[in-house]
Amino acid sequence: MSAPPASRFLDLPALAALEHLRFAPRQRIEGTYSGRHVSRRHGGAGEFADFREYSEGEDLRRLDWKVLARTGRAYTRLYQDETNVVCTLVLDASASMLFRVSSVGRIFNPSSSPPTTAATTSKLEYVQFLATALSQIISRQQDQVGLAIAASELREFLPPGSTSGHVAHLQGIVAETRTEPVTNLAGALGTLFQRLNRRGALMILSDFLVDDLEAVFAAVQLFRHRRFEVIALQIVHPEEERLPEGTAYRFEGLEGEGSLSCSPAEIRMAYQERFEHHASMVRTLALAAGCDYHRVSTAVPYLDTLSKFLVERTG
């Protein structure tokens, strides 16, 4: 069977610049085999368990110099308090994730030509690049990555895995993700909670534009109570943060809210206050639930966002 074609969102030459970075959990986690992360299972508290071939960037103090001298090959010593991380990426596939604007401020048709600038890159496309890069980085460090697509329900679920075929399949699903006009992020997370049987890291990539934020973070609390590490990435388009300049516009809701014709000047202050209140509420609820929260702007290149995120977590 031939290998699936590479995702158009996978840029391996660009990711080479991040080769020295790793996705590191901030809390003790559980996995199924030896890796490079601290486990909740202490059975031996530093007791030697196995060898693994050395990977560039690992702590040289863990290198077994005797094996290197004897065989000429570099191996890292593994201990019973180390394991692999299991990370599940949750992608929001609600219609609001399609938001992007043209140079004259009109909403793009999702079937139009591919975006070329920050303003014309939709939140969904940004997340597709970011999630694809994350899956590549997590898998190349011998960890497991899974995927969940959240829309009106849990539409797709791919349990975590680490083989090259698994990762290519995951990246293919990400590339083909399509939105739905109605979303139920809380319900999708509730279903996912029932299907994930191993704790690990859960990363939610969403704009969190939902009717009931408290219901979403009540679902997040289920994972936190089971000691998952939850990371909330709130995706924001720069044109959402402020209204465009001009005398008259018609604003159309992407999730069936209808349209509104007005002068931006009439509602500019109220809009910005409402938007910042929403963003602040997401942050407040995420931190209250014990999540690691990041506000991510599509105006920032996704590789810069990813690099900063990984550096902060290993800092």
Protein backbone atom coordinates (compact mmCIF):
# COMPACT_ATOMS: atom_id res chain seq x y z
CA MET A 1 0.00 0.00 0.00
CA SER A 2 1.41 3.37 -0.99
CA ALA A 3 1.97 6.04 1.66
CA PRO A 4 -0.66 8.80 1.87
CA PRO A 5 0.36 12.11 0.28
CA ALA A 6 1.90 14.68 2.61
CA SER A 7 -0.49 17.24 4.01
CA ARG A 8 -0.41 20.68 2.41
CA PHE A 9 -0.20 22.04 5.95
CA LEU A 10 3.05 20.16 6.68
CA ASP A 11 6.16 22.26 6.02
CA LEU A 12 9.10 20.03 6.97
CA PRO A 13 11.85 22.50 5.91
CA ALA A 14 10.29 25.18 8.12
CA LEU A 15 9.92 22.74 11.04
CA ALA A 16 13.61 21.89 10.79
CA ALA A 17 14.28 25.22 12.50
CA LEU A 18 12.42 23.90 15.57
CA GLU A 19 14.21 20.55 15.64
CA HIS A 20 15.83 21.32 19.00
CA LEU A 21 12.48 22.01 20.70
CA ARG A 22 10.22 19.48 22.42
CA PHE A 23 6.67 19.41 23.70
CA ALA A 24 7.06 19.01 27.46
CA PRO A 25 4.25 18.38 29.95
CA ARG A 26 4.19 20.60 33.03
CA GLN A 27 2.81 17.95 35.36
CA ARG A 28 3.51 14.31 36.02
CA ILE A 29 1.82 12.17 33.41
CA GLU A 30 1.12 8.54 32.62
CA GLY A 31 2.15 6.67 29.51
CA THR A 32 2.58 3.17 28.24
CA TYR A 33 6.30 2.89 27.68
CA SER A 34 9.58 4.53 28.55
CA GLY A 35 10.12 8.02 27.20
CA ARG A 36 11.54 11.35 28.32
CA HIS A 37 8.82 12.66 30.64
CA VAL A 38 8.22 12.35 34.38
CA SER A 39 5.59 9.75 35.22
CA ARG A 40 3.08 9.48 38.08
CA ARG A 41 4.37 5.92 38.60
CA HIS A 42 7.41 5.96 40.85
CA GLY A 43 8.00 2.18 41.11
CA GLY A 44 11.69 2.30 41.97
CA ALA A 45 12.27 6.07 42.20
CA GLY A 46 15.06 6.36 39.70
CA GLU A 47 15.67 2.67 39.24
CA PHE A 48 17.27 1.77 35.90
CA ALA A 49 14.82 0.26 33.42
CA ASP A 50 16.13 0.28 29.86
CA PHE A 51 18.20 1.94 27.13
CA ARG A 52 17.00 4.12 24.26
CA GLU A 53 19.01 5.41 21.32
CA TYR A 54 20.20 8.96 22.04
CA SER A 55 18.35 11.82 20.30
CA GLU A 56 19.93 15.20 19.66
CA GLY A 57 19.10 17.69 22.41
CA GLU A 58 18.81 15.18 25.25
CA ASP A 59 20.69 15.74 28.50
CA LEU A 60 24.24 14.43 27.99
CA ARG A 61 24.38 13.49 31.66
CA ARG A 62 21.99 10.66 30.85
CA LEU A 63 24.27 9.25 28.16
CA ASP A 64 25.74 5.83 28.93
CA TRP A 65 29.41 6.49 28.17
CA LYS A 66 30.45 2.87 28.78
CA VAL A 67 28.07 1.63 26.08
CA LEU A 68 29.28 4.39 23.76
CA ALA A 69 32.92 3.37 24.29
CA ARG A 70 32.14 -0.31 23.80
CA THR A 71 29.80 -0.09 20.79
CA GLY A 72 30.41 3.33 19.27
CA ARG A 73 26.66 4.05 19.51
CA ALA A 74 25.04 6.59 21.83
CA TYR A 75 22.31 5.40 24.20
CA THR A 76 20.39 7.16 26.97
CA ARG A 77 19.67 5.38 30.22
CA LEU A 78 15.94 5.21 31.08
CA TYR A 79 14.48 4.92 34.55
CA GLN A 80 11.20 3.64 35.90
CA ASP A 81 9.98 7.15 36.76
CA GLU A 82 10.01 8.22 33.11
CA THR A 83 7.43 7.56 30.43
CA ASN A 84 5.97 8.85 27.19
CA VAL A 85 3.42 11.62 26.96
CA VAL A 86 0.01 11.12 25.36
CA CYS A 87 -1.42 14.31 23.83
CA THR A 88 -4.82 14.70 22.18
CA LEU A 89 -5.45 17.73 19.97
CA VAL A 90 -9.03 19.06 19.95
CA LEU A 91 -9.86 21.17 16.88
CA ASP A 92 -12.89 23.45 16.85
CA ALA A 93 -14.74 22.97 13.54
CA SER A 94 -17.45 25.58 14.12
CA ALA A 95 -18.27 27.98 11.29
CA SER A 96 -16.86 30.96 13.21
CA MET A 97 -13.41 29.44 12.62
CA LEU A 98 -13.79 30.33 8.92
CA PHE A 99 -13.53 34.04 9.65
CA ARG A 100 -11.09 35.95 7.49
CA VAL A 101 -11.39 39.21 5.57
CA SER A 102 -10.24 40.59 2.24
CA SER A 103 -8.30 43.83 1.84
CA VAL A 104 -11.60 45.70 1.57
CA GLY A 105 -13.09 44.12 4.68
CA ARG A 106 -15.54 41.62 3.15
CA ILE A 107 -15.83 38.09 4.45
CA PHE A 108 -14.12 35.61 2.15
CA ASN A 109 -16.06 32.74 0.62
CA PRO A 110 -14.50 29.58 2.15
CA SER A 111 -14.15 28.10 -1.35
CA SER A 112 -12.16 31.06 -2.66
CA SER A 113 -8.44 31.04 -3.41
CA PRO A 114 -5.99 30.14 -0.60
CA PRO A 115 -4.98 32.89 1.82
CA THR A 116 -1.67 34.69 1.49
CA THR A 117 -1.60 37.16 4.41
CA ALA A 118 -2.47 37.22 8.09
CA ALA A 119 -5.71 39.07 7.38
CA THR A 120 -6.83 36.59 4.74
CA THR A 121 -5.83 33.48 6.72
CA SER A 122 -8.85 32.00 8.46
CA LYS A 123 -8.66 30.83 12.04
CA LEU A 124 -9.30 27.28 10.84
CA GLU A 125 -6.39 27.34 8.40
CA TYR A 126 -4.12 28.74 11.09
CA VAL A 127 -5.15 25.91 13.42
CA GLN A 128 -4.59 23.37 10.64
CA PHE A 129 -0.99 24.57 10.21
CA LEU A 130 -0.44 24.69 13.98
CA ALA A 131 -1.98 21.28 14.73
CA THR A 132 -0.09 19.62 11.88
CA ALA A 133 3.22 21.03 13.13
CA LEU A 134 2.44 20.00 16.71
CA SER A 135 1.59 16.44 15.67
CA GLN A 136 4.91 16.21 13.81
CA ILE A 137 6.93 17.50 16.75
CA ILE A 138 5.17 15.34 19.34
CA SER A 139 5.56 12.16 17.29
CA ARG A 140 9.22 12.70 16.43
CA GLN A 141 10.05 12.79 20.15
CA GLN A 142 8.63 9.26 20.50
CA ASP A 143 5.41 10.47 22.12
CA GLN A 144 1.81 9.75 21.12
CA VAL A 145 -0.64 12.18 19.56
CA GLY A 146 -4.38 11.84 18.98
CA LEU A 147 -7.05 14.00 17.39
CA ALA A 148 -10.63 15.06 18.08
CA ILE A 149 -12.74 17.25 15.78
CA ALA A 150 -15.46 19.13 17.67
CA ALA A 151 -18.49 20.56 15.88
CA SER A 152 -22.18 19.90 16.62
CA GLU A 153 -20.84 16.74 18.25
CA LEU A 154 -17.58 14.82 18.47
CA ARG A 155 -17.30 14.32 14.71
CA GLU A 156 -13.91 12.62 14.52
CA PHE A 157 -11.81 10.83 17.10
CA LEU A 158 -8.43 9.25 16.40
CA PRO A 159 -6.92 7.63 19.51
CA PRO A 160 -3.31 8.60 20.27
CA GLY A 161 -0.54 6.82 18.41
CA SER A 162 3.02 7.44 17.29
CA THR A 163 3.72 5.46 14.11
CA SER A 164 4.48 7.38 10.93
CA GLY A 165 1.33 5.96 9.31
CA HIS A 166 -0.80 7.08 12.26
CA VAL A 167 0.62 10.60 12.17
CA ALA A 168 0.14 10.87 8.40
CA HIS A 169 -3.48 9.74 8.81
CA LEU A 170 -4.02 12.31 11.57
CA GLN A 171 -2.54 15.08 9.44
CA GLY A 172 -4.79 14.04 6.57
CA ILE A 173 -7.88 14.38 8.78
CA VAL A 174 -6.71 17.82 9.90
CA ALA A 175 -6.20 18.89 6.27
CA GLU A 176 -9.70 17.76 5.30
CA THR A 177 -11.49 19.31 8.27
CA ARG A 178 -14.66 21.14 7.29
CA THR A 179 -16.80 23.34 9.53
CA GLU A 180 -20.44 23.05 10.59
CA PRO A 181 -22.80 25.99 11.12
CA VAL A 182 -23.72 24.87 14.63
CA THR A 183 -21.25 23.88 17.31
CA ASN A 184 -21.52 22.15 20.67
CA LEU A 185 -18.00 22.25 22.06
CA ALA A 186 -19.14 21.30 25.56
CA GLY A 187 -20.98 18.22 24.30
CA ALA A 188 -18.06 17.16 22.11
CA LEU A 189 -15.67 17.42 25.06
CA GLY A 190 -18.06 15.40 27.21
CA THR A 191 -18.13 12.60 24.64
CA LEU A 192 -14.36 12.72 24.27
CA PHE A 193 -13.97 12.36 28.03
CA GLN A 194 -15.85 9.07 27.87
CA ARG A 195 -13.63 7.77 25.05
CA LEU A 196 -10.17 8.74 26.34
CA ASN A 197 -9.13 5.98 28.68
CA ARG A 198 -5.60 7.17 29.48
CA ARG A 199 -4.79 10.48 31.09
CA GLY A 200 -2.29 12.78 29.43
CA ALA A 201 -2.34 16.20 27.83
CA LEU A 202 -5.42 17.67 26.14
CA MET A 203 -4.89 20.67 23.87
CA ILE A 204 -7.99 22.63 22.77
CA LEU A 205 -7.54 24.88 19.72
CA SER A 206 -10.65 27.04 19.47
CA ASP A 207 -11.95 30.60 19.29
CA PHE A 208 -14.36 29.68 22.13
CA LEU A 209 -17.16 31.65 20.46
CA VAL A 210 -19.93 29.61 22.07
CA ASP A 211 -23.22 30.46 23.75
CA ASP A 212 -22.29 28.89 27.09
CA LEU A 213 -18.63 29.17 28.09
CA GLU A 214 -19.36 27.83 31.56
CA ALA A 215 -20.65 24.57 30.06
CA VAL A 216 -17.43 24.22 28.04
CA PHE A 217 -15.22 24.60 31.10
CA ALA A 218 -17.48 22.36 33.16
CA ALA A 219 -16.59 19.69 30.58
CA VAL A 220 -12.93 20.67 30.86
CA GLN A 221 -13.17 20.12 34.62
CA LEU A 222 -13.98 16.46 33.97
CA PHE A 223 -10.52 16.05 32.43
CA ARG A 224 -8.87 18.05 35.20
CA HIS A 225 -10.51 15.89 37.86
CA ARG A 226 -8.97 12.88 36.13
CA ARG A 227 -5.64 14.72 36.27
CA PHE A 228 -5.32 15.51 32.59
CA GLU A 229 -3.14 18.47 31.74
CA VAL A 230 -5.39 20.79 29.71
CA ILE A 231 -4.02 23.50 27.43
CA ALA A 232 -6.44 26.08 26.01
CA LEU A 233 -5.31 27.96 22.91
CA GLN A 234 -7.78 30.75 22.15
CA ILE A 235 -7.45 31.57 18.45
CA VAL A 236 -8.14 35.21 17.61
CA HIS A 237 -8.15 36.92 14.20
CA PRO A 238 -6.79 40.51 14.29
CA GLU A 239 -9.87 41.80 12.45
CA GLU A 240 -12.06 40.41 15.24
CA GLU A 241 -10.35 42.56 17.83
CA ARG A 242 -11.38 45.82 16.21
CA LEU A 243 -13.95 46.92 13.66
CA PRO A 244 -12.79 48.13 10.23
CA GLU A 245 -12.59 51.79 9.31
CA GLY A 246 -15.33 53.01 6.97
CA THR A 247 -18.75 54.57 6.85
CA ALA A 248 -21.07 51.59 6.37
CA TYR A 249 -20.76 47.81 6.49
CA ARG A 250 -22.98 44.78 6.58
CA PHE A 251 -21.81 42.18 9.07
CA GLU A 252 -22.97 38.61 8.54
CA GLY A 253 -22.88 35.90 11.19
CA LEU A 254 -21.12 32.72 10.14
CA GLU A 255 -23.26 30.53 12.40
CA GLY A 256 -26.72 31.66 11.31
CA GLU A 257 -27.00 34.76 13.49
CA GLY A 258 -28.26 36.90 10.59
CA SER A 259 -26.84 40.21 9.34
CA LEU A 260 -26.41 43.74 10.68
CA SER A 261 -25.96 46.89 8.59
CA CYS A 262 -24.40 49.81 10.44
CA SER A 263 -21.59 52.31 10.65
CA PRO A 264 -18.66 50.80 12.62
CA ALA A 265 -18.18 54.15 14.36
CA GLU A 266 -21.59 53.75 16.03
CA ILE A 267 -20.74 50.50 17.75
CA ARG A 268 -16.92 50.45 17.79
CA MET A 269 -16.44 51.05 21.52
CA ALA A 270 -19.24 48.70 22.57
CA TYR A 271 -17.95 45.98 20.25
CA GLN A 272 -14.37 46.17 21.51
CA GLU A 273 -15.57 46.08 25.11
CA ARG A 274 -17.71 43.01 24.38
CA PHE A 275 -14.89 41.24 22.56
CA GLU A 276 -12.34 41.91 25.29
CA HIS A 277 -14.87 40.80 27.90
CA HIS A 278 -15.30 37.52 26.02
CA ALA A 279 -11.54 36.96 25.74
CA SER A 280 -11.09 37.81 29.42
CA MET A 281 -13.87 35.41 30.39
CA VAL A 282 -12.24 32.56 28.45
CA ARG A 283 -8.93 33.24 30.20
CA THR A 284 -10.55 33.51 33.64
CA LEU A 285 -12.52 30.26 33.28
CA ALA A 286 -9.52 28.43 31.81
CA LEU A 287 -7.22 29.45 34.66
CA ALA A 288 -9.91 28.70 37.25
CA ALA A 289 -10.15 25.19 35.79
CA GLY A 290 -6.39 24.75 36.13
CA CYS A 291 -5.68 25.02 32.40
CA ASP A 292 -2.58 26.40 30.74
CA TYR A 293 -4.07 29.31 28.75
CA HIS A 294 -2.66 31.09 25.67
CA ARG A 295 -4.27 33.73 23.48
CA VAL A 296 -3.04 33.15 19.92
CA SER A 297 -3.37 35.74 17.15
CA THR A 298 -3.41 34.65 13.52
CA ALA A 299 -1.41 37.84 12.85
CA VAL A 300 1.62 36.03 14.32
CA PRO A 301 3.19 33.39 12.02
CA TYR A 302 2.26 29.95 13.33
CA LEU A 303 5.91 28.89 13.59
CA ASP A 304 6.65 31.87 15.83
CA THR A 305 3.65 30.98 17.99
CA LEU A 306 4.75 27.35 18.17
CA SER A 307 8.36 28.21 19.00
CA LYS A 308 7.35 30.56 21.82
CA PHE A 309 4.88 28.01 23.18
CA LEU A 310 7.43 25.18 23.26
CA VAL A 311 10.16 27.35 24.78
CA GLU A 312 7.82 28.51 27.56
CA ARG A 313 6.88 24.95 28.42
CA THR A 314 10.46 23.77 28.66
CA GLY A 315 11.65 26.99 30.32
